[in-house]
N, C-alpha and C. Protein backbone atom coordinates (compact mmCIF):
# COMPACT_ATOMS: atom_id res chain seq x y z
N MET A 1 99.65 95.30 102.68
CA MET A 1 98.70 94.28 103.13
C MET A 1 98.25 93.33 102.87
N HIS A 2 97.38 93.74 101.11
CA HIS A 2 96.82 92.46 100.09
C HIS A 2 98.09 91.72 100.28
N HIS A 3 99.21 91.65 100.25
CA HIS A 3 100.16 90.88 99.70
C HIS A 3 100.75 89.97 100.78
N ILE A 4 100.99 90.59 102.16
CA ILE A 4 101.65 89.81 103.17
C ILE A 4 100.80 89.57 103.93
N LEU A 5 99.74 90.23 104.34
CA LEU A 5 98.64 89.40 105.05
C LEU A 5 97.55 88.91 105.19
N THR A 6 97.53 88.38 103.79
CA THR A 6 96.28 88.01 103.55
C THR A 6 95.43 86.43 104.11
N GLY A 7 97.14 85.84 105.05
CA GLY A 7 96.23 84.32 105.28
C GLY A 7 95.49 84.93 106.98
N PHE A 8 95.80 86.08 107.32
CA PHE A 8 95.20 87.07 108.34
C PHE A 8 94.25 87.62 108.34
N PHE A 9 93.50 88.27 107.23
CA PHE A 9 92.71 89.34 106.97
C PHE A 9 91.93 89.23 105.92
N THR A 10 90.50 89.36 106.26
CA THR A 10 90.46 88.92 104.60
C THR A 10 90.07 90.31 103.60
N GLY A 11 89.57 89.94 101.72
CA GLY A 11 89.72 91.16 101.46
C GLY A 11 89.39 92.40 101.60
N GLU A 12 87.67 91.98 101.99
CA GLU A 12 87.53 93.32 102.97
C GLU A 12 87.59 94.45 103.57
N GLU A 13 88.29 93.38 104.86
CA GLU A 13 88.68 94.04 106.05
C GLU A 13 89.81 95.01 105.66
N CYS A 14 91.44 94.33 104.08
CA CYS A 14 91.72 95.29 103.68
C CYS A 14 91.30 96.66 103.16
N GLU A 15 90.12 96.20 102.36
CA GLU A 15 90.02 97.41 101.29
C GLU A 15 89.19 98.21 102.32
N LEU A 16 89.15 98.09 103.43
CA LEU A 16 88.05 99.03 104.45
C LEU A 16 89.39 99.81 104.90
N LEU A 17 90.20 99.23 105.36
CA LEU A 17 91.48 99.81 105.94
C LEU A 17 92.33 100.46 104.79
N GLU A 18 92.16 100.30 103.79
CA GLU A 18 92.94 101.09 102.93
C GLU A 18 91.73 102.01 102.58
N GLU A 19 90.59 102.38 102.56
CA GLU A 19 89.59 103.34 102.46
C GLU A 19 89.82 104.58 104.01
N ALA A 20 89.60 103.62 104.69
CA ALA A 20 90.23 104.69 105.74
C ALA A 20 91.46 105.25 105.53
N ARG A 21 92.38 104.92 105.47
CA ARG A 21 93.27 105.63 104.75
C ARG A 21 93.36 106.88 104.31
N GLU A 22 92.71 106.25 102.96
CA GLU A 22 92.62 107.31 102.24
C GLU A 22 91.92 108.83 102.15
N ALA A 23 91.03 108.26 103.76
CA ALA A 23 90.27 109.29 103.89
C ALA A 23 90.92 109.82 104.94
N ARG A 24 91.92 109.38 105.80
CA ARG A 24 92.24 110.01 106.44
C ARG A 24 93.21 111.24 105.90
N VAL A 25 93.65 110.45 104.60
CA VAL A 25 94.87 111.63 104.10
C VAL A 25 94.04 112.53 103.61
N GLU A 26 93.21 112.37 102.73
CA GLU A 26 91.78 113.10 102.35
C GLU A 26 91.74 114.82 103.32
N THR A 27 91.51 114.11 104.25
CA THR A 27 90.51 115.07 105.55
C THR A 27 91.94 115.59 105.81
N GLN A 28 93.21 114.85 106.74
CA GLN A 28 93.90 115.93 106.79
C GLN A 28 94.89 116.90 105.71
N TYR A 29 94.95 116.96 104.63
CA TYR A 29 95.58 117.48 104.05
C TYR A 29 94.99 117.92 102.39
N TYR A 30 93.25 117.89 102.54
CA TYR A 30 93.06 118.77 101.61
C TYR A 30 91.63 119.08 102.85
N THR A 31 91.25 120.30 103.11
CA THR A 31 90.61 120.49 104.17
C THR A 31 89.29 120.47 103.26
N MET A 32 88.64 120.85 102.35
CA MET A 32 88.02 120.40 101.80
C MET A 32 86.71 119.38 101.61
N SER A 33 87.93 118.27 101.70
CA SER A 33 87.40 117.09 101.87
C SER A 33 86.32 116.53 103.18
N GLU A 34 85.47 116.19 103.04
CA GLU A 34 84.56 115.61 103.56
C GLU A 34 84.49 113.83 103.57
N VAL A 35 84.53 113.07 104.92
CA VAL A 35 84.19 111.23 104.91
C VAL A 35 82.42 111.24 105.23
N SER A 36 81.91 111.29 104.21
CA SER A 36 80.56 110.66 103.95
C SER A 36 80.16 110.31 105.59
N GLY A 37 78.67 110.16 106.14
CA GLY A 37 78.52 110.00 107.02
C GLY A 37 78.52 108.36 107.36
N ASP A 38 77.69 107.99 105.89
CA ASP A 38 77.51 106.34 106.62
C ASP A 38 79.03 105.47 106.09
N PHE A 39 80.51 106.42 105.32
CA PHE A 39 81.66 105.73 106.00
C PHE A 39 81.89 105.61 107.19
N GLU A 40 81.50 106.93 107.85
CA GLU A 40 81.88 107.45 109.10
C GLU A 40 81.38 106.17 110.07
N ASP A 41 79.81 105.73 109.92
CA ASP A 41 78.98 104.97 110.87
C ASP A 41 80.02 103.46 110.43
N THR A 42 80.09 102.90 109.39
CA THR A 42 81.01 101.68 109.13
C THR A 42 82.07 101.53 109.52
N LEU A 43 82.67 103.00 109.56
CA LEU A 43 84.35 102.87 110.48
C LEU A 43 84.43 102.73 112.27
N THR A 44 82.57 103.24 112.56
CA THR A 44 82.27 103.60 113.73
C THR A 44 82.08 101.96 114.64
N GLN A 45 81.75 101.33 113.60
CA GLN A 45 80.92 99.70 113.92
C GLN A 45 82.53 98.93 113.38
N GLN A 46 83.29 98.86 112.49
CA GLN A 46 84.41 97.90 112.47
C GLN A 46 85.23 97.98 112.84
N VAL A 47 85.93 99.13 113.14
CA VAL A 47 87.24 99.68 114.08
C VAL A 47 87.32 98.91 115.12
N PRO A 48 86.33 99.07 116.24
CA PRO A 48 86.68 98.30 117.28
C PRO A 48 86.74 96.53 117.22
N ARG A 49 86.29 95.60 116.40
CA ARG A 49 86.20 94.58 115.99
C ARG A 49 88.07 94.59 115.26
N PHE A 50 88.12 95.10 114.35
CA PHE A 50 89.14 95.17 113.72
C PHE A 50 90.77 95.23 114.54
N LEU A 51 90.68 95.84 115.46
CA LEU A 51 91.91 96.42 116.56
C LEU A 51 91.45 95.09 117.13
N VAL A 52 90.50 94.46 117.87
CA VAL A 52 90.45 92.65 118.48
C VAL A 52 91.28 92.07 117.70
N LYS A 53 90.41 91.70 116.06
CA LYS A 53 91.19 90.95 115.83
C LYS A 53 92.49 91.46 115.22
N CYS A 54 93.45 92.25 115.39
CA CYS A 54 94.71 92.58 115.15
C CYS A 54 94.98 92.17 116.61
N ARG A 55 95.39 92.47 117.68
CA ARG A 55 95.46 92.45 118.86
C ARG A 55 95.66 90.25 119.13
N GLY A 56 94.68 90.40 118.48
CA GLY A 56 94.40 88.75 118.82
C GLY A 56 95.50 87.85 117.55
N ILE A 57 95.86 88.45 116.52
CA ILE A 57 96.62 87.88 115.82
C ILE A 57 98.34 88.16 115.92
N VAL A 58 98.39 89.59 116.65
CA VAL A 58 99.84 89.59 117.05
C VAL A 58 99.97 88.56 118.67
N ASP A 59 99.12 88.44 119.34
CA ASP A 59 99.35 87.04 120.29
C ASP A 59 99.72 86.38 119.63
N ARG A 60 99.35 85.60 119.10
CA ARG A 60 99.28 84.74 118.57
C ARG A 60 100.52 83.86 117.59
N LEU A 61 100.92 84.89 116.97
CA LEU A 61 102.07 84.92 116.21
C LEU A 61 103.93 84.25 116.98
N ASP A 62 104.15 83.48 116.14
CA ASP A 62 105.60 83.18 117.01
C ASP A 62 106.43 83.48 116.10
N ALA A 63 107.81 83.20 117.25
CA ALA A 63 109.01 83.82 116.44
C ALA A 63 109.05 82.72 114.61
N LYS A 64 108.84 82.26 114.23
CA LYS A 64 108.96 81.98 113.09
C LYS A 64 107.59 82.24 112.18
N GLN A 65 106.71 83.06 112.29
CA GLN A 65 105.52 83.48 111.56
C GLN A 65 105.95 84.90 111.33
N ILE A 66 106.81 85.56 112.57
CA ILE A 66 107.19 87.24 112.17
C ILE A 66 108.26 86.68 111.22
N GLY A 67 109.33 85.87 111.31
CA GLY A 67 110.53 85.34 110.69
C GLY A 67 109.87 85.59 108.65
N LYS A 68 109.13 84.50 109.02
CA LYS A 68 108.51 84.11 107.48
C LYS A 68 107.59 85.70 106.76
N LEU A 69 107.31 86.55 108.34
CA LEU A 69 106.63 87.61 107.69
C LEU A 69 107.29 88.79 107.05
N ARG A 70 108.42 88.87 107.83
CA ARG A 70 109.58 90.15 107.41
C ARG A 70 110.04 89.41 106.00
N GLU A 71 110.20 88.12 106.05
CA GLU A 71 110.99 87.76 104.60
C GLU A 71 109.88 88.07 103.56
N THR A 72 108.60 88.21 103.72
CA THR A 72 107.83 88.28 102.52
C THR A 72 107.77 90.39 102.63
N PHE A 73 107.72 90.24 103.54
CA PHE A 73 107.74 92.05 103.14
C PHE A 73 109.15 92.66 102.88
N LEU A 74 110.33 92.00 102.98
CA LEU A 74 111.65 92.53 102.30
C LEU A 74 111.59 92.00 100.64
N GLU A 75 110.75 90.74 100.64
CA GLU A 75 110.85 90.12 99.13
C GLU A 75 109.76 91.06 98.45
N ARG A 76 108.77 92.31 98.83
CA ARG A 76 107.96 92.96 98.41
C ARG A 76 108.69 94.38 98.52
N VAL A 77 109.50 94.36 99.10
CA VAL A 77 110.39 96.40 98.97
C VAL A 77 111.27 95.95 98.04
N LYS A 78 111.37 94.73 97.91
CA LYS A 78 112.63 94.44 96.66
C LYS A 78 112.04 94.77 95.21
N LYS A 79 111.45 94.15 94.92
CA LYS A 79 110.45 94.32 94.42
C LYS A 79 110.01 95.43 93.32
N ALA A 80 109.64 96.48 94.37
CA ALA A 80 109.04 97.64 94.20
C ALA A 80 110.07 98.82 93.56
């Protein structure tokens, strides 16, 4: 996300999404882990806004932009 969608999302949004993913993995696979109340509150506030932003971005993408995103993604996959 940091490399491909930087034109659409801020660094803070990318970081929040990564932290949310890590929290999900921790709670899903490691039953002793818990998500802090502060982070839960942050997610509760930020996720609805993030979802609306994602939908807005998707609605505005045209075929040319989608093709460019696919190319960028494939280039990143080849480098990995």
